[in-house]
Amino acid sequence: MVYLQDADGIDAIEAIVKVEPKIQQNDILSINVSAMDAEAALPFNLFEAGNATSVPKPITYLVNSDGEINFPVLGKIKVEGFTTKEITSHLAETLAVYIKNPIVNIRLTNFKVTVLGEVKSPGTYPVPNERISILEAIGLAGDLTIQGKRKTVVLIREQNGKRTFIDIDLTSREILNSPYFYLAQNDVLIVEPNKSKVNSSAVGANTGIILTSISFLISIVAILIR
């Protein structure tokens, strides 16, 4: 049940690779523009219509099938394949024509990962900080059960219209250097059951009732024979 079994103490200091998620189709972005001149920034911030007592909520932007968002004043902007940092820099540079010293804040609001199979709490988990590792995702799901395969956890990732299946070995330290160690939005981890769990499930849910019935019949036959 031990993870990273080939890690014998601290024998080296490895640089941590900074991984930033790239925006994909159907992502939802929250974009806020501010400046010293608040009125100048107003046209670039849209809010949902509400009643007089409710606080207006900022409108989010859905990345369409062309990888674009429709931004106020500027129109269509290509965002697919870029990081939020890159889009922030691009927007700030573009808005500088309209606003003095604009400040742009962008968040990916629908970053989530799904963990299924032999874990204590399978489900879909939101990631507010846009960064999560495989080990952290498994921790959110309550860790693997004793029946889960730790050498062949399957990672399913969709990018650029393609679906990729990757086998992950949680018992090897090499996972720390894997390009898949940090998950992307909408990644799915599937923990397969081991042979013991598969064999036990093949027995069937009614096996206990059948055995009890047979035992009861044997007892009756034994009494009658007497």
C-alpha atoms as a PDB file:
ATOM      1  CA  MET A   1       0.000   0.000   0.000  1.00  0.00           C
ATOM      2  CA  VAL A   2       3.065   2.269  -0.012  1.00  0.00           C
ATOM      3  CA  TYR A   3       3.262   5.123  -2.514  1.00  0.00           C
ATOM      4  CA  LEU A   4       6.538   6.200  -4.182  1.00  0.00           C
ATOM      5  CA  GLN A   5       8.202   2.944  -3.106  1.00  0.00           C
ATOM      6  CA  ASP A   6      11.492   3.665  -4.882  1.00  0.00           C
ATOM      7  CA  ALA A   7      12.085   6.923  -2.985  1.00  0.00           C
ATOM      8  CA  ASP A   8      14.821   6.145  -0.433  1.00  0.00           C
ATOM      9  CA  GLY A   9      14.994   9.309   1.606  1.00  0.00           C
ATOM     10  CA  ILE A  10      15.907  12.688   0.171  1.00  0.00           C
ATOM     11  CA  ASP A  11      18.747  12.066  -2.286  1.00  0.00           C
ATOM     12  CA  ALA A  12      18.250  15.089  -4.495  1.00  0.00           C
ATOM     13  CA  ILE A  13      16.461  18.414  -4.749  1.00  0.00           C
ATOM     14  CA  GLU A  14      14.400  18.558  -7.912  1.00  0.00           C
ATOM     15  CA  ALA A  15      13.089  21.740  -9.447  1.00  0.00           C
ATOM     16  CA  ILE A  16       9.314  21.978  -9.344  1.00  0.00           C
ATOM     17  CA  VAL A  17       7.898  22.569 -12.782  1.00  0.00           C
ATOM     18  CA  LYS A  18       5.320  25.346 -12.857  1.00  0.00           C
ATOM     19  CA  VAL A  19       2.285  24.094 -14.722  1.00  0.00           C
ATOM     20  CA  GLU A  20      -0.442  26.505 -15.761  1.00  0.00           C
ATOM     21  CA  PRO A  21      -3.663  25.183 -17.298  1.00  0.00           C
ATOM     22  CA  LYS A  22      -4.396  26.257 -20.854  1.00  0.00           C
ATOM     23  CA  ILE A  23      -7.874  27.453 -21.683  1.00  0.00           C
ATOM     24  CA  GLN A  24     -10.066  24.985 -23.524  1.00  0.00           C
ATOM     25  CA  GLN A  25     -13.406  25.086 -25.296  1.00  0.00           C
ATOM     26  CA  ASN A  26     -16.393  25.256 -22.909  1.00  0.00           C
ATOM     27  CA  ASP A  27     -14.260  26.742 -20.137  1.00  0.00           C
ATOM     28  CA  ILE A  28     -15.867  29.549 -18.139  1.00  0.00           C
ATOM     29  CA  LEU A  29     -13.798  32.651 -17.431  1.00  0.00           C
ATOM     30  CA  SER A  30     -14.363  35.374 -14.885  1.00  0.00           C
ATOM     31  CA  ILE A  31     -12.828  38.639 -16.109  1.00  0.00           C
ATOM     32  CA  ASN A  32     -12.683  41.849 -14.105  1.00  0.00           C
ATOM     33  CA  VAL A  33     -11.232  45.124 -15.372  1.00  0.00           C
ATOM     34  CA  SER A  34     -10.396  47.962 -13.002  1.00  0.00           C
ATOM     35  CA  ALA A  35      -8.434  51.218 -13.079  1.00  0.00           C
ATOM     36  CA  MET A  36      -7.853  54.404 -11.127  1.00  0.00           C
ATOM     37  CA  ASP A  37     -10.604  55.946 -13.248  1.00  0.00           C
ATOM     38  CA  ALA A  38     -13.449  53.580 -12.304  1.00  0.00           C
ATOM     39  CA  GLU A  39     -15.876  55.071 -14.823  1.00  0.00           C
ATOM     40  CA  ALA A  40     -13.488  54.389 -17.694  1.00  0.00           C
ATOM     41  CA  ALA A  41     -13.438  50.687 -16.775  1.00  0.00           C
ATOM     42  CA  LEU A  42     -17.228  50.317 -16.540  1.00  0.00           C
ATOM     43  CA  PRO A  43     -17.849  49.492 -20.242  1.00  0.00           C
ATOM     44  CA  PHE A  44     -15.536  46.471 -19.897  1.00  0.00           C
ATOM     45  CA  ASN A  45     -17.423  44.917 -16.974  1.00  0.00           C
ATOM     46  CA  LEU A  46     -20.833  43.379 -17.599  1.00  0.00           C
ATOM     47  CA  PHE A  47     -23.264  42.428 -14.836  1.00  0.00           C
ATOM     48  CA  GLU A  48     -26.393  40.288 -14.685  1.00  0.00           C
ATOM     49  CA  ALA A  49     -29.635  42.218 -14.460  1.00  0.00           C
ATOM     50  CA  GLY A  50     -31.213  41.949 -11.000  1.00  0.00           C
ATOM     51  CA  ASN A  51     -33.742  43.652  -8.796  1.00  0.00           C
ATOM     52  CA  ALA A  52     -33.140  46.739  -6.706  1.00  0.00           C
ATOM     53  CA  THR A  53     -32.245  44.809  -3.555  1.00  0.00           C
ATOM     54  CA  SER A  54     -29.847  42.219  -5.022  1.00  0.00           C
ATOM     55  CA  VAL A  55     -26.155  42.760  -5.607  1.00  0.00           C
ATOM     56  CA  PRO A  56     -25.339  42.629  -9.354  1.00  0.00           C
ATOM     57  CA  LYS A  57     -23.269  39.592 -10.300  1.00  0.00           C
ATOM     58  CA  PRO A  58     -20.512  39.911 -12.911  1.00  0.00           C
ATOM     59  CA  ILE A  59     -21.145  37.995 -16.120  1.00  0.00           C
ATOM     60  CA  THR A  60     -18.786  35.130 -16.939  1.00  0.00           C
ATOM     61  CA  TYR A  61     -17.525  34.277 -20.404  1.00  0.00           C
ATOM     62  CA  LEU A  62     -18.004  30.867 -22.024  1.00  0.00           C
ATOM     63  CA  VAL A  63     -15.275  29.806 -24.461  1.00  0.00           C
ATOM     64  CA  ASN A  64     -17.150  28.814 -27.618  1.00  0.00           C
ATOM     65  CA  SER A  65     -16.431  26.032 -30.123  1.00  0.00           C
ATOM     66  CA  ASP A  66     -14.065  28.371 -31.983  1.00  0.00           C
ATOM     67  CA  GLY A  67     -12.035  28.937 -28.821  1.00  0.00           C
ATOM     68  CA  GLU A  68     -13.201  32.535 -28.507  1.00  0.00           C
ATOM     69  CA  ILE A  69     -15.031  34.781 -26.070  1.00  0.00           C
ATOM     70  CA  ASN A  70     -17.084  37.848 -26.953  1.00  0.00           C
ATOM     71  CA  PHE A  71     -15.664  40.669 -24.832  1.00  0.00           C
ATOM     72  CA  PRO A  72     -17.312  44.106 -24.421  1.00  0.00           C
ATOM     73  CA  VAL A  73     -16.070  46.766 -26.851  1.00  0.00           C
ATOM     74  CA  LEU A  74     -13.196  44.566 -28.078  1.00  0.00           C
ATOM     75  CA  GLY A  75     -15.433  41.896 -29.627  1.00  0.00           C
ATOM     76  CA  LYS A  76     -14.212  38.334 -30.249  1.00  0.00           C
ATOM     77  CA  ILE A  77     -10.948  37.333 -28.583  1.00  0.00           C
ATOM     78  CA  LYS A  78      -9.127  34.043 -29.179  1.00  0.00           C
ATOM     79  CA  VAL A  79      -8.353  32.457 -25.804  1.00  0.00           C
ATOM     80  CA  GLU A  80      -8.144  28.700 -26.438  1.00  0.00           C
ATOM     81  CA  GLY A  81      -4.641  27.311 -25.971  1.00  0.00           C
ATOM     82  CA  PHE A  82      -3.476  30.236 -23.844  1.00  0.00           C
ATOM     83  CA  THR A  83      -3.029  30.450 -20.079  1.00  0.00           C
ATOM     84  CA  THR A  84      -4.973  32.926 -17.969  1.00  0.00           C
ATOM     85  CA  LYS A  85      -1.689  34.769 -17.392  1.00  0.00           C
ATOM     86  CA  GLU A  86      -1.147  35.180 -21.142  1.00  0.00           C
ATOM     87  CA  ILE A  87      -4.714  36.389 -21.709  1.00  0.00           C
ATOM     88  CA  THR A  88      -4.399  38.808 -18.786  1.00  0.00           C
ATOM     89  CA  SER A  89      -1.263  40.327 -20.304  1.00  0.00           C
ATOM     90  CA  HIS A  90      -2.859  40.559 -23.765  1.00  0.00           C
ATOM     91  CA  LEU A  91      -6.044  42.210 -22.461  1.00  0.00           C
ATOM     92  CA  ALA A  92      -4.135  44.706 -20.327  1.00  0.00           C
ATOM     93  CA  GLU A  93      -2.045  45.718 -23.347  1.00  0.00           C
ATOM     94  CA  THR A  94      -5.125  46.043 -25.564  1.00  0.00           C
ATOM     95  CA  LEU A  95      -7.162  47.970 -22.987  1.00  0.00           C
ATOM     96  CA  ALA A  96      -4.344  50.455 -22.469  1.00  0.00           C
ATOM     97  CA  VAL A  97      -5.626  52.184 -25.600  1.00  0.00           C
ATOM     98  CA  TYR A  98      -8.934  52.895 -23.805  1.00  0.00           C
ATOM     99  CA  ILE A  99      -7.935  53.038 -20.111  1.00  0.00           C
ATOM    100  CA  LYS A 100      -4.900  54.416 -18.330  1.00  0.00           C
ATOM    101  CA  ASN A 101      -3.058  51.687 -16.392  1.00  0.00           C
ATOM    102  CA  PRO A 102      -5.784  49.008 -16.583  1.00  0.00           C
ATOM    103  CA  ILE A 103      -5.751  46.125 -14.114  1.00  0.00           C
ATOM    104  CA  VAL A 104      -7.112  42.816 -15.422  1.00  0.00           C
ATOM    105  CA  ASN A 105      -7.972  39.808 -13.253  1.00  0.00           C
ATOM    106  CA  ILE A 106      -8.936  36.514 -14.912  1.00  0.00           C
ATOM    107  CA  ARG A 107     -10.000  33.282 -13.201  1.00  0.00           C
ATOM    108  CA  LEU A 108     -10.931  29.923 -14.641  1.00  0.00           C
ATOM    109  CA  THR A 109     -14.125  29.259 -12.682  1.00  0.00           C
ATOM    110  CA  ASN A 110     -14.962  25.721 -13.846  1.00  0.00           C
ATOM    111  CA  PHE A 111     -11.665  23.968 -13.093  1.00  0.00           C
ATOM    112  CA  LYS A 112     -12.608  20.538 -11.776  1.00  0.00           C
ATOM    113  CA  VAL A 113     -11.301  16.983 -11.702  1.00  0.00           C
ATOM    114  CA  THR A 114     -13.137  13.682 -11.317  1.00  0.00           C
ATOM    115  CA  VAL A 115     -11.922  10.652  -9.369  1.00  0.00           C
ATOM    116  CA  LEU A 116     -13.789   7.365  -9.858  1.00  0.00           C
ATOM    117  CA  GLY A 117     -13.390   3.697  -8.965  1.00  0.00           C
ATOM    118  CA  GLU A 118     -11.759   2.221  -5.898  1.00  0.00           C
ATOM    119  CA  VAL A 119     -11.534   5.330  -3.729  1.00  0.00           C
ATOM    120  CA  LYS A 120     -13.385   6.127  -0.526  1.00  0.00           C
ATOM    121  CA  SER A 121     -15.324   9.098  -1.909  1.00  0.00           C
ATOM    122  CA  PRO A 122     -15.582   9.049  -5.718  1.00  0.00           C
ATOM    123  CA  GLY A 123     -16.888  12.211  -7.316  1.00  0.00           C
ATOM    124  CA  THR A 124     -16.124  15.490  -9.073  1.00  0.00           C
ATOM    125  CA  TYR A 125     -14.130  18.092  -7.156  1.00  0.00           C
ATOM    126  CA  PRO A 126     -13.786  21.826  -7.966  1.00  0.00           C
ATOM    127  CA  VAL A 127     -10.276  23.299  -7.848  1.00  0.00           C
ATOM    128  CA  PRO A 128     -10.348  26.995  -6.909  1.00  0.00           C
ATOM    129  CA  ASN A 129      -6.620  27.682  -7.369  1.00  0.00           C
ATOM    130  CA  GLU A 130      -6.333  26.149 -10.868  1.00  0.00           C
ATOM    131  CA  ARG A 131      -3.599  23.736  -9.802  1.00  0.00           C
ATOM    132  CA  ILE A 132      -3.846  20.232  -8.406  1.00  0.00           C
ATOM    133  CA  SER A 133      -1.599  17.175  -8.517  1.00  0.00           C
ATOM    134  CA  ILE A 134      -2.644  13.554  -8.885  1.00  0.00           C
ATOM    135  CA  LEU A 135      -1.794  12.895  -5.232  1.00  0.00           C
ATOM    136  CA  GLU A 136      -3.881  15.867  -4.097  1.00  0.00           C
ATOM    137  CA  ALA A 137      -6.852  14.715  -6.204  1.00  0.00           C
ATOM    138  CA  ILE A 138      -6.648  11.230  -4.681  1.00  0.00           C
ATOM    139  CA  GLY A 139      -6.469  12.852  -1.256  1.00  0.00           C
ATOM    140  CA  LEU A 140      -9.683  14.764  -1.961  1.00  0.00           C
ATOM    141  CA  ALA A 141     -11.352  11.446  -2.807  1.00  0.00           C
ATOM    142  CA  GLY A 142     -10.295   9.960   0.530  1.00  0.00           C
ATOM    143  CA  ASP A 143      -7.402   7.852  -0.831  1.00  0.00           C
ATOM    144  CA  LEU A 144      -7.580   4.496  -2.581  1.00  0.00           C
ATOM    145  CA  THR A 145      -9.320   1.578  -0.914  1.00  0.00           C
ATOM    146  CA  ILE A 146      -7.303  -1.531  -0.136  1.00  0.00           C
ATOM    147  CA  GLN A 147      -8.759  -3.141  -3.292  1.00  0.00           C
ATOM    148  CA  GLY A 148      -7.537  -0.367  -5.645  1.00  0.00           C
ATOM    149  CA  LYS A 149      -4.736  -0.934  -8.162  1.00  0.00           C
ATOM    150  CA  ARG A 150      -1.913   1.481  -7.390  1.00  0.00           C
ATOM    151  CA  LYS A 151       0.280   0.607 -10.350  1.00  0.00           C
ATOM    152  CA  THR A 152      -2.254   1.295 -13.112  1.00  0.00           C
ATOM    153  CA  VAL A 153      -4.413   4.297 -12.272  1.00  0.00           C
ATOM    154  CA  VAL A 154      -5.895   5.536 -15.549  1.00  0.00           C
ATOM    155  CA  LEU A 155      -5.861   9.244 -16.381  1.00  0.00           C
ATOM    156  CA  ILE A 156      -8.288  10.392 -19.089  1.00  0.00           C
ATOM    157  CA  ARG A 157      -7.559  13.779 -20.611  1.00  0.00           C
ATOM    158  CA  GLU A 158      -9.292  15.630 -23.446  1.00  0.00           C
ATOM    159  CA  GLN A 159      -7.327  18.228 -25.373  1.00  0.00           C
ATOM    160  CA  ASN A 160      -7.623  19.668 -28.884  1.00  0.00           C
ATOM    161  CA  GLY A 161     -10.514  17.360 -29.724  1.00  0.00           C
ATOM    162  CA  LYS A 162      -8.599  14.221 -28.724  1.00  0.00           C
ATOM    163  CA  ARG A 163      -9.042  11.891 -25.759  1.00  0.00           C
ATOM    164  CA  THR A 164      -5.858  10.465 -24.221  1.00  0.00           C
ATOM    165  CA  PHE A 165      -5.554   7.519 -21.808  1.00  0.00           C
ATOM    166  CA  ILE A 166      -2.462   7.441 -19.580  1.00  0.00           C
ATOM    167  CA  ASP A 167      -1.458   4.756 -17.072  1.00  0.00           C
ATOM    168  CA  ILE A 168      -0.094   6.181 -13.814  1.00  0.00           C
ATOM    169  CA  ASP A 169       2.018   4.150 -11.371  1.00  0.00           C
ATOM    170  CA  LEU A 170       1.525   5.576  -7.883  1.00  0.00           C
ATOM    171  CA  THR A 171       4.198   3.296  -6.435  1.00  0.00           C
ATOM    172  CA  SER A 172       7.000   4.895  -8.462  1.00  0.00           C
ATOM    173  CA  ARG A 173       8.738   8.178  -7.704  1.00  0.00           C
ATOM    174  CA  GLU A 174       8.892   8.834 -11.448  1.00  0.00           C
ATOM    175  CA  ILE A 175       5.348  10.131 -11.182  1.00  0.00           C
ATOM    176  CA  LEU A 176       6.780  13.302  -9.623  1.00  0.00           C
ATOM    177  CA  ASN A 177       8.597  14.081 -12.873  1.00  0.00           C
ATOM    178  CA  SER A 178       5.708  13.059 -15.108  1.00  0.00           C
ATOM    179  CA  PRO A 179       4.114  15.718 -17.342  1.00  0.00           C
ATOM    180  CA  TYR A 180       0.799  14.358 -16.038  1.00  0.00           C
ATOM    181  CA  PHE A 181       1.607  14.837 -12.341  1.00  0.00           C
ATOM    182  CA  TYR A 182      -0.359  18.094 -12.358  1.00  0.00           C
ATOM    183  CA  LEU A 183      -3.885  17.642 -13.647  1.00  0.00           C
ATOM    184  CA  ALA A 184      -5.649  19.758 -16.247  1.00  0.00           C
ATOM    185  CA  GLN A 185      -9.250  20.937 -15.975  1.00  0.00           C
ATOM    186  CA  ASN A 186     -11.819  18.188 -16.548  1.00  0.00           C
ATOM    187  CA  ASP A 187      -9.264  15.381 -16.108  1.00  0.00           C
ATOM    188  CA  VAL A 188     -10.682  12.049 -14.948  1.00  0.00           C
ATOM    189  CA  LEU A 189      -8.811   9.550 -12.757  1.00  0.00           C
ATOM    190  CA  ILE A 190     -10.086   5.974 -12.687  1.00  0.00           C
ATOM    191  CA  VAL A 191      -8.811   3.561 -10.048  1.00  0.00           C
ATOM    192  CA  GLU A 192      -9.386  -0.012 -11.149  1.00  0.00           C
ATOM    193  CA  PRO A 193     -10.185  -2.811  -8.660  1.00  0.00           C
ATOM    194  CA  ASN A 194      -7.656  -5.577  -8.086  1.00  0.00           C
ATOM    195  CA  LYS A 195      -8.291  -9.255  -8.892  1.00  0.00           C
ATOM    196  CA  SER A 196      -9.523  -9.974  -5.378  1.00  0.00           C
ATOM    197  CA  LYS A 197     -12.272  -7.334  -5.661  1.00  0.00           C
ATOM    198  CA  VAL A 198     -13.234  -8.460  -9.179  1.00  0.00           C
ATOM    199  CA  ASN A 199     -13.480 -12.101  -8.116  1.00  0.00           C
ATOM    200  CA  SER A 200     -15.544 -11.267  -5.043  1.00  0.00           C
ATOM    201  CA  SER A 201     -17.981  -9.187  -7.108  1.00  0.00           C
ATOM    202  CA  ALA A 202     -18.455 -12.114  -9.482  1.00  0.00           C
ATOM    203  CA  VAL A 203     -19.932 -14.173  -6.653  1.00  0.00           C
ATOM    204  CA  GLY A 204     -23.151 -12.152  -6.800  1.00  0.00           C
ATOM    205  CA  ALA A 205     -25.344 -10.336  -4.333  1.00  0.00           C
ATOM    206  CA  ASN A 206     -27.773 -13.284  -3.858  1.00  0.00           C
ATOM    207  CA  THR A 207     -25.125 -15.852  -2.996  1.00  0.00           C
ATOM    208  CA  GLY A 208     -25.622 -15.461   0.758  1.00  0.00           C
ATOM    209  CA  ILE A 209     -29.393 -15.960   0.450  1.00  0.00           C
ATOM    210  CA  ILE A 210     -28.896 -19.070  -1.693  1.00  0.00           C
ATOM    211  CA  LEU A 211     -26.419 -20.598   0.767  1.00  0.00           C
ATOM    212  CA  THR A 212     -28.766 -19.887   3.670  1.00  0.00           C
ATOM    213  CA  SER A 213     -31.657 -21.530   1.827  1.00  0.00           C
ATOM    214  CA  ILE A 214     -29.579 -24.626   1.050  1.00  0.00           C
ATOM    215  CA  SER A 215     -28.470 -24.874   4.661  1.00  0.00           C
ATOM    216  CA  PHE A 216     -32.123 -24.597   5.801  1.00  0.00           C
ATOM    217  CA  LEU A 217     -33.212 -27.366   3.403  1.00  0.00           C
ATOM    218  CA  ILE A 218     -30.415 -29.629   4.566  1.00  0.00           C
ATOM    219  CA  SER A 219     -31.518 -29.125   8.153  1.00  0.00           C
ATOM    220  CA  ILE A 220     -35.125 -30.046   7.284  1.00  0.00           C
ATOM    221  CA  VAL A 221     -34.011 -33.176   5.393  1.00  0.00           C
ATOM    222  CA  ALA A 222     -31.860 -34.196   8.353  1.00  0.00           C
ATOM    223  CA  ILE A 223     -34.848 -33.862  10.732  1.00  0.00           C
ATOM    224  CA  LEU A 224     -37.142 -35.854   8.419  1.00  0.00           C
ATOM    225  CA  ILE A 225     -34.608 -38.669   8.072  1.00  0.00           C
ATOM    226  CA  ARG A 226     -34.493 -39.016  11.838  1.00  0.00           C
END
